[in-house]
């Protein structure tokens, strides 16, 4: 059971890190055809796109990653609470 909880916790942490990478990539100019950039976009877009529809950008800033961080943390705590 502890091993499963560790793996699940790692996956949540890794996904948060991927979203953070996406945020940093939005601050710098990246090649959208780079395979690593495409992978990051493909992994994060299913979560960020629905949030962007609900929370439109304000003053040119996209707040969907911040909301995603909070929702992922909430989901992580819920899942870990159910495991223990």
C-alpha atoms as a PDB file:
ATOM      1  CA  UNK A   1       0.000   0.000   0.000  1.00  0.00           C
ATOM      2  CA  UNK A   2       2.837   2.399   0.830  1.00  0.00           C
ATOM      3  CA  UNK A   3       4.461   1.697  -2.555  1.00  0.00           C
ATOM      4  CA  UNK A   4       1.226   2.516  -4.393  1.00  0.00           C
ATOM      5  CA  UNK A   5       0.843   5.757  -2.445  1.00  0.00           C
ATOM      6  CA  UNK A   6       4.432   6.710  -3.259  1.00  0.00           C
ATOM      7  CA  UNK A   7       3.910   6.094  -6.967  1.00  0.00           C
ATOM      8  CA  UNK A   8       0.660   8.074  -7.026  1.00  0.00           C
ATOM      9  CA  UNK A   9       2.265  10.938  -5.100  1.00  0.00           C
ATOM     10  CA  UNK A  10       5.194  10.931  -7.554  1.00  0.00           C
ATOM     11  CA  UNK A  11       2.826  11.090 -10.536  1.00  0.00           C
ATOM     12  CA  UNK A  12       1.002  14.104  -9.101  1.00  0.00           C
ATOM     13  CA  UNK A  13       4.318  15.815  -8.374  1.00  0.00           C
ATOM     14  CA  UNK A  14       5.641  15.039 -11.853  1.00  0.00           C
ATOM     15  CA  UNK A  15       2.505  16.439 -13.492  1.00  0.00           C
ATOM     16  CA  UNK A  16       2.790  19.635 -11.453  1.00  0.00           C
ATOM     17  CA  UNK A  17       6.403  19.906 -12.611  1.00  0.00           C
ATOM     18  CA  UNK A  18       5.337  19.484 -16.246  1.00  0.00           C
ATOM     19  CA  UNK A  19       2.796  22.286 -15.820  1.00  0.00           C
ATOM     20  CA  UNK A  20       5.538  24.431 -14.296  1.00  0.00           C
ATOM     21  CA  UNK A  21       7.729  23.720 -17.337  1.00  0.00           C
ATOM     22  CA  UNK A  22       4.834  24.812 -19.543  1.00  0.00           C
ATOM     23  CA  UNK A  23       4.567  28.081 -17.610  1.00  0.00           C
ATOM     24  CA  UNK A  24       8.294  28.754 -17.993  1.00  0.00           C
ATOM     25  CA  UNK A  25       8.081  27.946 -21.704  1.00  0.00           C
ATOM     26  CA  UNK A  26       5.381  30.587 -22.065  1.00  0.00           C
ATOM     27  CA  UNK A  27       7.832  33.207 -20.786  1.00  0.00           C
ATOM     28  CA  UNK A  28      10.534  32.430 -23.361  1.00  0.00           C
ATOM     29  CA  UNK A  29      10.454  31.883 -27.078  1.00  0.00           C
ATOM     30  CA  UNK A  30      10.416  28.160 -27.847  1.00  0.00           C
ATOM     31  CA  UNK A  31      10.197  26.282 -31.104  1.00  0.00           C
ATOM     32  CA  UNK A  32       6.646  24.858 -31.199  1.00  0.00           C
ATOM     33  CA  UNK A  33       7.869  22.068 -33.475  1.00  0.00           C
ATOM     34  CA  UNK A  34      10.465  20.829 -30.997  1.00  0.00           C
ATOM     35  CA  UNK A  35       9.454  17.301 -29.911  1.00  0.00           C
ATOM     36  CA  UNK A  36       9.938  18.046 -26.199  1.00  0.00           C
ATOM     37  CA  UNK A  37       7.827  21.195 -26.424  1.00  0.00           C
ATOM     38  CA  UNK A  38       5.110  19.274 -28.236  1.00  0.00           C
ATOM     39  CA  UNK A  39       5.114  16.558 -25.557  1.00  0.00           C
ATOM     40  CA  UNK A  40       4.763  19.139 -22.774  1.00  0.00           C
ATOM     41  CA  UNK A  41       1.876  20.804 -24.628  1.00  0.00           C
ATOM     42  CA  UNK A  42       0.167  17.458 -25.304  1.00  0.00           C
ATOM     43  CA  UNK A  43       0.452  16.433 -21.651  1.00  0.00           C
ATOM     44  CA  UNK A  44      -0.804  19.699 -20.194  1.00  0.00           C
ATOM     45  CA  UNK A  45      -3.397  20.865 -22.694  1.00  0.00           C
ATOM     46  CA  UNK A  46      -6.115  18.363 -21.617  1.00  0.00           C
ATOM     47  CA  UNK A  47      -6.101  19.950 -18.152  1.00  0.00           C
ATOM     48  CA  UNK A  48      -5.397  23.580 -19.031  1.00  0.00           C
ATOM     49  CA  UNK A  49      -7.771  23.977 -22.006  1.00  0.00           C
ATOM     50  CA  UNK A  50     -11.004  23.352 -20.039  1.00  0.00           C
ATOM     51  CA  UNK A  51      -9.770  25.660 -17.289  1.00  0.00           C
ATOM     52  CA  UNK A  52      -9.059  28.385 -19.849  1.00  0.00           C
ATOM     53  CA  UNK A  53     -12.646  28.157 -21.067  1.00  0.00           C
ATOM     54  CA  UNK A  54     -13.907  28.733 -17.524  1.00  0.00           C
ATOM     55  CA  UNK A  55     -11.255  31.276 -16.492  1.00  0.00           C
ATOM     56  CA  UNK A  56     -10.406  33.552 -19.412  1.00  0.00           C
ATOM     57  CA  UNK A  57      -7.085  35.421 -19.379  1.00  0.00           C
ATOM     58  CA  UNK A  58      -7.152  38.656 -17.402  1.00  0.00           C
ATOM     59  CA  UNK A  59      -4.888  41.527 -18.462  1.00  0.00           C
ATOM     60  CA  UNK A  60      -3.077  39.144 -20.791  1.00  0.00           C
ATOM     61  CA  UNK A  61      -2.237  36.690 -18.008  1.00  0.00           C
ATOM     62  CA  UNK A  62      -3.315  33.061 -18.087  1.00  0.00           C
ATOM     63  CA  UNK A  63      -4.332  31.959 -14.601  1.00  0.00           C
ATOM     64  CA  UNK A  64      -5.269  28.401 -15.627  1.00  0.00           C
ATOM     65  CA  UNK A  65      -1.930  26.873 -14.495  1.00  0.00           C
ATOM     66  CA  UNK A  66      -2.403  28.337 -11.007  1.00  0.00           C
ATOM     67  CA  UNK A  67      -5.905  26.877 -10.793  1.00  0.00           C
ATOM     68  CA  UNK A  68      -4.556  23.577 -12.148  1.00  0.00           C
ATOM     69  CA  UNK A  69      -1.908  23.492  -9.390  1.00  0.00           C
ATOM     70  CA  UNK A  70      -4.606  23.954  -6.743  1.00  0.00           C
ATOM     71  CA  UNK A  71      -6.943  21.375  -8.283  1.00  0.00           C
ATOM     72  CA  UNK A  72      -4.175  18.807  -8.685  1.00  0.00           C
ATOM     73  CA  UNK A  73      -3.133  19.338  -5.067  1.00  0.00           C
ATOM     74  CA  UNK A  74      -6.742  18.952  -3.947  1.00  0.00           C
ATOM     75  CA  UNK A  75      -7.075  15.745  -5.965  1.00  0.00           C
ATOM     76  CA  UNK A  76      -3.750  14.445  -4.608  1.00  0.00           C
ATOM     77  CA  UNK A  77      -4.888  15.020  -1.025  1.00  0.00           C
ATOM     78  CA  UNK A  78      -8.217  13.360  -1.727  1.00  0.00           C
ATOM     79  CA  UNK A  79      -6.604  10.286  -3.274  1.00  0.00           C
ATOM     80  CA  UNK A  80      -3.973  10.019  -0.549  1.00  0.00           C
ATOM     81  CA  UNK A  81      -6.667  10.381   2.100  1.00  0.00           C
ATOM     82  CA  UNK A  82      -8.616   7.542   0.538  1.00  0.00           C
ATOM     83  CA  UNK A  83      -5.513   5.337   0.496  1.00  0.00           C
ATOM     84  CA  UNK A  84      -4.756   5.905   4.176  1.00  0.00           C
END
